[in-house]
C-alpha atoms as a PDB file:
ATOM      1  CA  UNK A   1    -101.756 -15.009  23.509  1.00  0.00           C
ATOM      2  CA  UNK A   2    -100.440 -15.494  20.071  1.00  0.00           C
ATOM      3  CA  UNK A   3     -97.968 -12.631  20.526  1.00  0.00           C
ATOM      4  CA  UNK A   4     -96.762 -14.198  23.752  1.00  0.00           C
ATOM      5  CA  UNK A   5     -96.233 -17.523  21.986  1.00  0.00           C
ATOM      6  CA  UNK A   6     -94.436 -15.768  19.162  1.00  0.00           C
ATOM      7  CA  UNK A   7     -92.194 -14.015  21.688  1.00  0.00           C
ATOM      8  CA  UNK A   8     -91.417 -17.319  23.398  1.00  0.00           C
ATOM      9  CA  UNK A   9     -90.719 -18.943  20.043  1.00  0.00           C
ATOM     10  CA  UNK A  10     -88.492 -16.007  19.096  1.00  0.00           C
ATOM     11  CA  UNK A  11     -86.595 -16.338  22.404  1.00  0.00           C
ATOM     12  CA  UNK A  12     -86.151 -20.071  21.814  1.00  0.00           C
ATOM     13  CA  UNK A  13     -84.908 -19.389  18.297  1.00  0.00           C
ATOM     14  CA  UNK A  14     -82.484 -16.735  19.610  1.00  0.00           C
ATOM     15  CA  UNK A  15     -81.205 -19.081  22.320  1.00  0.00           C
ATOM     16  CA  UNK A  16     -80.804 -21.868  19.781  1.00  0.00           C
ATOM     17  CA  UNK A  17     -78.997 -19.521  17.425  1.00  0.00           C
ATOM     18  CA  UNK A  18     -76.643 -18.325  20.194  1.00  0.00           C
ATOM     19  CA  UNK A  19     -76.015 -21.904  21.264  1.00  0.00           C
ATOM     20  CA  UNK A  20     -75.234 -22.867  17.653  1.00  0.00           C
ATOM     21  CA  UNK A  21     -72.939 -19.863  17.280  1.00  0.00           C
ATOM     22  CA  UNK A  22     -71.207 -20.749  20.533  1.00  0.00           C
ATOM     23  CA  UNK A  23     -70.738 -24.341  19.401  1.00  0.00           C
ATOM     24  CA  UNK A  24     -69.413 -23.152  16.046  1.00  0.00           C
ATOM     25  CA  UNK A  25     -67.033 -20.751  17.769  1.00  0.00           C
ATOM     26  CA  UNK A  26     -65.729 -23.522  19.996  1.00  0.00           C
ATOM     27  CA  UNK A  27     -65.308 -25.808  16.976  1.00  0.00           C
ATOM     28  CA  UNK A  28     -63.410 -23.036  15.168  1.00  0.00           C
ATOM     29  CA  UNK A  29     -61.261 -22.509  18.257  1.00  0.00           C
ATOM     30  CA  UNK A  30     -60.631 -26.251  18.505  1.00  0.00           C
ATOM     31  CA  UNK A  31     -59.683 -26.382  14.813  1.00  0.00           C
ATOM     32  CA  UNK A  32     -57.329 -23.409  15.198  1.00  0.00           C
ATOM     33  CA  UNK A  33     -55.832 -24.983  18.312  1.00  0.00           C
ATOM     34  CA  UNK A  34     -55.292 -28.271  16.468  1.00  0.00           C
ATOM     35  CA  UNK A  35     -53.568 -26.438  13.601  1.00  0.00           C
ATOM     36  CA  UNK A  36     -51.369 -24.468  15.980  1.00  0.00           C
ATOM     37  CA  UNK A  37     -50.584 -27.594  18.021  1.00  0.00           C
ATOM     38  CA  UNK A  38     -49.456 -29.314  14.815  1.00  0.00           C
ATOM     39  CA  UNK A  39     -47.327 -26.291  13.957  1.00  0.00           C
ATOM     40  CA  UNK A  40     -45.851 -26.366  17.452  1.00  0.00           C
ATOM     41  CA  UNK A  41     -45.071 -30.066  17.107  1.00  0.00           C
ATOM     42  CA  UNK A  42     -43.459 -29.401  13.718  1.00  0.00           C
ATOM     43  CA  UNK A  43     -41.316 -26.599  15.171  1.00  0.00           C
ATOM     44  CA  UNK A  44     -40.259 -28.735  18.129  1.00  0.00           C
ATOM     45  CA  UNK A  45     -39.419 -31.576  15.729  1.00  0.00           C
ATOM     46  CA  UNK A  46     -37.381 -29.171  13.598  1.00  0.00           C
ATOM     47  CA  UNK A  47     -35.591 -27.972  16.715  1.00  0.00           C
ATOM     48  CA  UNK A  48     -34.814 -31.569  17.682  1.00  0.00           C
ATOM     49  CA  UNK A  49     -33.673 -32.349  14.139  1.00  0.00           C
ATOM     50  CA  UNK A  50     -31.385 -29.319  14.110  1.00  0.00           C
ATOM     51  CA  UNK A  51     -30.011 -30.219  17.530  1.00  0.00           C
ATOM     52  CA  UNK A  52     -29.346 -33.819  16.463  1.00  0.00           C
ATOM     53  CA  UNK A  53     -27.718 -32.688  13.236  1.00  0.00           C
ATOM     54  CA  UNK A  54     -25.554 -30.258  15.135  1.00  0.00           C
ATOM     55  CA  UNK A  55     -24.613 -32.846  17.756  1.00  0.00           C
ATOM     56  CA  UNK A  56     -23.837 -35.607  15.254  1.00  0.00           C
ATOM     57  CA  UNK A  57     -22.129 -33.587  12.508  1.00  0.00           C
ATOM     58  CA  UNK A  58     -21.255 -30.025  13.289  1.00  0.00           C
ATOM     59  CA  UNK A  59     -20.222 -30.280  16.928  1.00  0.00           C
ATOM     60  CA  UNK A  60     -17.187 -32.316  15.846  1.00  0.00           C
ATOM     61  CA  UNK A  61     -16.360 -29.803  13.127  1.00  0.00           C
ATOM     62  CA  UNK A  62     -16.835 -26.927  15.526  1.00  0.00           C
ATOM     63  CA  UNK A  63     -14.635 -28.659  18.096  1.00  0.00           C
ATOM     64  CA  UNK A  64     -11.939 -29.122  15.449  1.00  0.00           C
ATOM     65  CA  UNK A  65     -12.201 -25.501  14.327  1.00  0.00           C
ATOM     66  CA  UNK A  66     -11.943 -24.341  17.921  1.00  0.00           C
ATOM     67  CA  UNK A  67      -9.024 -26.684  18.626  1.00  0.00           C
ATOM     68  CA  UNK A  68      -7.173 -25.563  15.491  1.00  0.00           C
ATOM     69  CA  UNK A  69      -7.836 -21.932  16.346  1.00  0.00           C
ATOM     70  CA  UNK A  70      -6.604 -22.332  19.898  1.00  0.00           C
ATOM     71  CA  UNK A  71      -3.447 -24.177  18.822  1.00  0.00           C
ATOM     72  CA  UNK A  72      -2.688 -22.189  15.659  1.00  0.00           C
ATOM     73  CA  UNK A  73      -0.228 -19.840  17.342  1.00  0.00           C
ATOM     74  CA  UNK A  74       1.577 -22.511  19.320  1.00  0.00           C
ATOM     75  CA  UNK A  75       5.239 -21.919  20.053  1.00  0.00           C
ATOM     76  CA  UNK A  76       6.141 -24.711  17.632  1.00  0.00           C
ATOM     77  CA  UNK A  77       4.214 -23.053  14.766  1.00  0.00           C
ATOM     78  CA  UNK A  78       5.658 -19.634  15.622  1.00  0.00           C
ATOM     79  CA  UNK A  79       9.176 -21.083  15.554  1.00  0.00           C
ATOM     80  CA  UNK A  80       8.493 -23.004  12.333  1.00  0.00           C
ATOM     81  CA  UNK A  81       7.132 -19.974  10.494  1.00  0.00           C
ATOM     82  CA  UNK A  82       9.928 -17.740  11.799  1.00  0.00           C
ATOM     83  CA  UNK A  83      12.554 -20.271  10.678  1.00  0.00           C
ATOM     84  CA  UNK A  84      10.930 -20.520   7.243  1.00  0.00           C
ATOM     85  CA  UNK A  85      10.902 -16.731   6.883  1.00  0.00           C
ATOM     86  CA  UNK A  86      14.552 -16.529   7.945  1.00  0.00           C
ATOM     87  CA  UNK A  87      15.503 -19.291   5.527  1.00  0.00           C
ATOM     88  CA  UNK A  88      13.767 -17.445   2.667  1.00  0.00           C
ATOM     89  CA  UNK A  89      15.662 -14.226   3.472  1.00  0.00           C
ATOM     90  CA  UNK A  90      18.969 -16.066   3.840  1.00  0.00           C
ATOM     91  CA  UNK A  91      18.498 -17.867   0.526  1.00  0.00           C
ATOM     92  CA  UNK A  92      17.697 -14.639  -1.287  1.00  0.00           C
ATOM     93  CA  UNK A  93      20.646 -12.909   0.365  1.00  0.00           C
ATOM     94  CA  UNK A  94      23.013 -15.731  -0.567  1.00  0.00           C
ATOM     95  CA  UNK A  95      21.884 -15.550  -4.186  1.00  0.00           C
ATOM     96  CA  UNK A  96      22.319 -11.772  -4.177  1.00  0.00           C
ATOM     97  CA  UNK A  97      25.742 -12.094  -2.548  1.00  0.00           C
ATOM     98  CA  UNK A  98      26.871 -14.622  -5.173  1.00  0.00           C
ATOM     99  CA  UNK A  99      25.603 -12.378  -7.974  1.00  0.00           C
ATOM    100  CA  UNK A 100      27.397  -9.408  -6.402  1.00  0.00           C
ATOM    101  CA  UNK A 101      30.634 -11.378  -6.081  1.00  0.00           C
ATOM    102  CA  UNK A 102      30.473 -12.331  -9.770  1.00  0.00           C
ATOM    103  CA  UNK A 103      29.770  -8.737 -10.749  1.00  0.00           C
ATOM    104  CA  UNK A 104      32.677  -7.437  -8.651  1.00  0.00           C
ATOM    105  CA  UNK A 105      35.009 -10.106 -10.068  1.00  0.00           C
ATOM    106  CA  UNK A 106      33.959  -9.179 -13.606  1.00  0.00           C
ATOM    107  CA  UNK A 107      34.955  -5.572 -12.841  1.00  0.00           C
ATOM    108  CA  UNK A 108      38.333  -6.764 -11.616  1.00  0.00           C
ATOM    109  CA  UNK A 109      37.768  -6.238  -7.883  1.00  0.00           C
ATOM    110  CA  UNK A 110      39.876  -8.680  -5.863  1.00  0.00           C
ATOM    111  CA  UNK A 111      37.725 -10.783  -3.450  1.00  0.00           C
ATOM    112  CA  UNK A 112      40.521 -10.463  -0.859  1.00  0.00           C
ATOM    113  CA  UNK A 113      40.448  -6.662  -0.951  1.00  0.00           C
ATOM    114  CA  UNK A 114      39.182  -4.531   1.922  1.00  0.00           C
ATOM    115  CA  UNK A 115      36.538  -2.932  -0.312  1.00  0.00           C
ATOM    116  CA  UNK A 116      35.102  -6.315  -1.193  1.00  0.00           C
ATOM    117  CA  UNK A 117      35.165  -7.459   2.467  1.00  0.00           C
ATOM    118  CA  UNK A 118      33.466  -4.225   3.576  1.00  0.00           C
ATOM    119  CA  UNK A 119      30.688  -4.696   1.060  1.00  0.00           C
ATOM    120  CA  UNK A 120      30.221  -8.270   2.261  1.00  0.00           C
ATOM    121  CA  UNK A 121      30.017  -7.149   5.894  1.00  0.00           C
ATOM    122  CA  UNK A 122      27.430  -4.496   5.027  1.00  0.00           C
ATOM    123  CA  UNK A 123      25.438  -7.089   3.097  1.00  0.00           C
ATOM    124  CA  UNK A 124      25.671  -9.518   6.028  1.00  0.00           C
ATOM    125  CA  UNK A 125      24.357  -6.862   8.430  1.00  0.00           C
ATOM    126  CA  UNK A 126      21.456  -6.071   6.073  1.00  0.00           C
ATOM    127  CA  UNK A 127      20.734  -9.778   5.714  1.00  0.00           C
ATOM    128  CA  UNK A 128      20.666 -10.265   9.496  1.00  0.00           C
ATOM    129  CA  UNK A 129      18.308  -7.316   9.908  1.00  0.00           C
ATOM    130  CA  UNK A 130      16.092  -8.585   7.104  1.00  0.00           C
ATOM    131  CA  UNK A 131      16.021 -12.084   8.607  1.00  0.00           C
ATOM    132  CA  UNK A 132      15.082 -10.777  12.058  1.00  0.00           C
ATOM    133  CA  UNK A 133      12.355  -8.593  10.560  1.00  0.00           C
ATOM    134  CA  UNK A 134      11.010 -11.501   8.508  1.00  0.00           C
ATOM    135  CA  UNK A 135      10.923 -13.729  11.588  1.00  0.00           C
ATOM    136  CA  UNK A 136       9.011 -11.123  13.601  1.00  0.00           C
ATOM    137  CA  UNK A 137       6.591 -10.553  10.729  1.00  0.00           C
ATOM    138  CA  UNK A 138       5.992 -14.302  10.386  1.00  0.00           C
ATOM    139  CA  UNK A 139       5.200 -14.591  14.110  1.00  0.00           C
ATOM    140  CA  UNK A 140       2.853 -11.600  13.948  1.00  0.00           C
ATOM    141  CA  UNK A 141       1.088 -13.122  10.929  1.00  0.00           C
ATOM    142  CA  UNK A 142       0.551 -16.415  12.756  1.00  0.00           C
ATOM    143  CA  UNK A 143      -0.830 -14.600  15.811  1.00  0.00           C
ATOM    144  CA  UNK A 144      -3.206 -12.551  13.636  1.00  0.00           C
ATOM    145  CA  UNK A 145      -4.365 -15.697  11.825  1.00  0.00           C
ATOM    146  CA  UNK A 146      -5.003 -17.388  15.171  1.00  0.00           C
ATOM    147  CA  UNK A 147      -7.073 -14.447  16.373  1.00  0.00           C
ATOM    148  CA  UNK A 148      -9.162 -14.477  13.183  1.00  0.00           C
ATOM    149  CA  UNK A 149      -9.675 -18.226  13.476  1.00  0.00           C
ATOM    150  CA  UNK A 150     -10.822 -17.886  17.090  1.00  0.00           C
ATOM    151  CA  UNK A 151     -13.333 -15.208  16.148  1.00  0.00           C
ATOM    152  CA  UNK A 152     -14.694 -17.391  13.345  1.00  0.00           C
ATOM    153  CA  UNK A 153     -14.945 -20.400  15.655  1.00  0.00           C
ATOM    154  CA  UNK A 154     -16.858 -18.347  18.214  1.00  0.00           C
ATOM    155  CA  UNK A 155     -19.206 -17.123  15.473  1.00  0.00           C
ATOM    156  CA  UNK A 156     -19.952 -20.664  14.331  1.00  0.00           C
ATOM    157  CA  UNK A 157     -20.923 -21.648  17.860  1.00  0.00           C
ATOM    158  CA  UNK A 158     -23.207 -18.658  18.255  1.00  0.00           C
ATOM    159  CA  UNK A 159     -24.992 -19.317  14.946  1.00  0.00           C
ATOM    160  CA  UNK A 160     -25.691 -22.939  15.788  1.00  0.00           C
ATOM    161  CA  UNK A 161     -26.992 -22.022  19.216  1.00  0.00           C
ATOM    162  CA  UNK A 162     -29.260 -19.367  17.700  1.00  0.00           C
ATOM    163  CA  UNK A 163     -30.827 -21.762  15.186  1.00  0.00           C
ATOM    164  CA  UNK A 164     -31.912 -24.232  17.865  1.00  0.00           C
ATOM    165  CA  UNK A 165     -33.213 -21.487  20.122  1.00  0.00           C
ATOM    166  CA  UNK A 166     -35.196 -19.965  17.270  1.00  0.00           C
ATOM    167  CA  UNK A 167     -36.925 -23.275  16.479  1.00  0.00           C
ATOM    168  CA  UNK A 168     -37.827 -23.766  20.133  1.00  0.00           C
ATOM    169  CA  UNK A 169     -39.153 -20.211  20.393  1.00  0.00           C
ATOM    170  CA  UNK A 170     -41.371 -20.735  17.353  1.00  0.00           C
ATOM    171  CA  UNK A 171     -42.674 -23.953  18.889  1.00  0.00           C
ATOM    172  CA  UNK A 172     -43.488 -22.204  22.148  1.00  0.00           C
ATOM    173  CA  UNK A 173     -45.262 -19.385  20.296  1.00  0.00           C
ATOM    174  CA  UNK A 174     -47.364 -21.865  18.349  1.00  0.00           C
ATOM    175  CA  UNK A 175     -48.263 -23.676  21.585  1.00  0.00           C
ATOM    176  CA  UNK A 176     -49.315 -20.405  23.188  1.00  0.00           C
ATOM    177  CA  UNK A 177     -51.391 -19.554  20.110  1.00  0.00           C
ATOM    178  CA  UNK A 178     -53.117 -22.939  20.295  1.00  0.00           C
ATOM    179  CA  UNK A 179     -53.933 -22.418  23.954  1.00  0.00           C
ATOM    180  CA  UNK A 180     -55.330 -18.945  23.244  1.00  0.00           C
ATOM    181  CA  UNK A 181     -57.481 -20.212  20.341  1.00  0.00           C
ATOM    182  CA  UNK A 182     -58.847 -23.035  22.493  1.00  0.00           C
ATOM    183  CA  UNK A 183     -59.656 -20.614  25.331  1.00  0.00           C
ATOM    184  CA  UNK A 184     -61.404 -18.202  22.993  1.00  0.00           C
ATOM    185  CA  UNK A 185     -63.507 -21.015  21.534  1.00  0.00           C
ATOM    186  CA  UNK A 186     -64.583 -22.189  24.976  1.00  0.00           C
ATOM    187  CA  UNK A 187     -65.409 -18.621  26.045  1.00  0.00           C
ATOM    188  CA  UNK A 188     -67.486 -18.057  22.906  1.00  0.00           C
ATOM    189  CA  UNK A 189     -69.353 -21.311  23.465  1.00  0.00           C
ATOM    190  CA  UNK A 190     -70.093 -20.369  27.055  1.00  0.00           C
ATOM    191  CA  UNK A 191     -71.418 -16.977  25.947  1.00  0.00           C
ATOM    192  CA  UNK A 192     -73.604 -18.643  23.340  1.00  0.00           C
ATOM    193  CA  UNK A 193     -75.133 -20.979  25.895  1.00  0.00           C
ATOM    194  CA  UNK A 194     -75.470 -18.408  28.608  1.00  0.00           C
END
């Protein structure tokens, strides 16, 4: 009889122990879920903060960068840069022509002579070629700058988008972790009571 009572007492102690373990497991699961839910809330808040910061500050900057990049190689800028390049070549050529005329005069060459006129014509042709080349190079430079600016503007947009998505992903992962911890705690408690 005493052995039977001891066995019953042992079974009651085992059941009580399992119930306590199940309760402790559920409490641990609840605590883990609470921690992960807080982490999820923090990540969502960070995502919202990043989105607000982007919307209020960087969206305007990004819009300006994109607008500048799209308008950088406008026909007006191409013409302006080409004209500036031509003017630089023409100014240098005029200075060289004046220096050449002084040098020829110092050697006694008559400015009205055919030799002098031929040299001037050759210089004028070289100047025209140089000016045309400088204009084309200036246009090509502006187009290349515009392409680089567009690529940079696109990169800025992709980085900002990625930051917000990353924060939201971390929040979702933390929420899923909290749900899993809660489920595991409930399952452990049910096993302990069963």
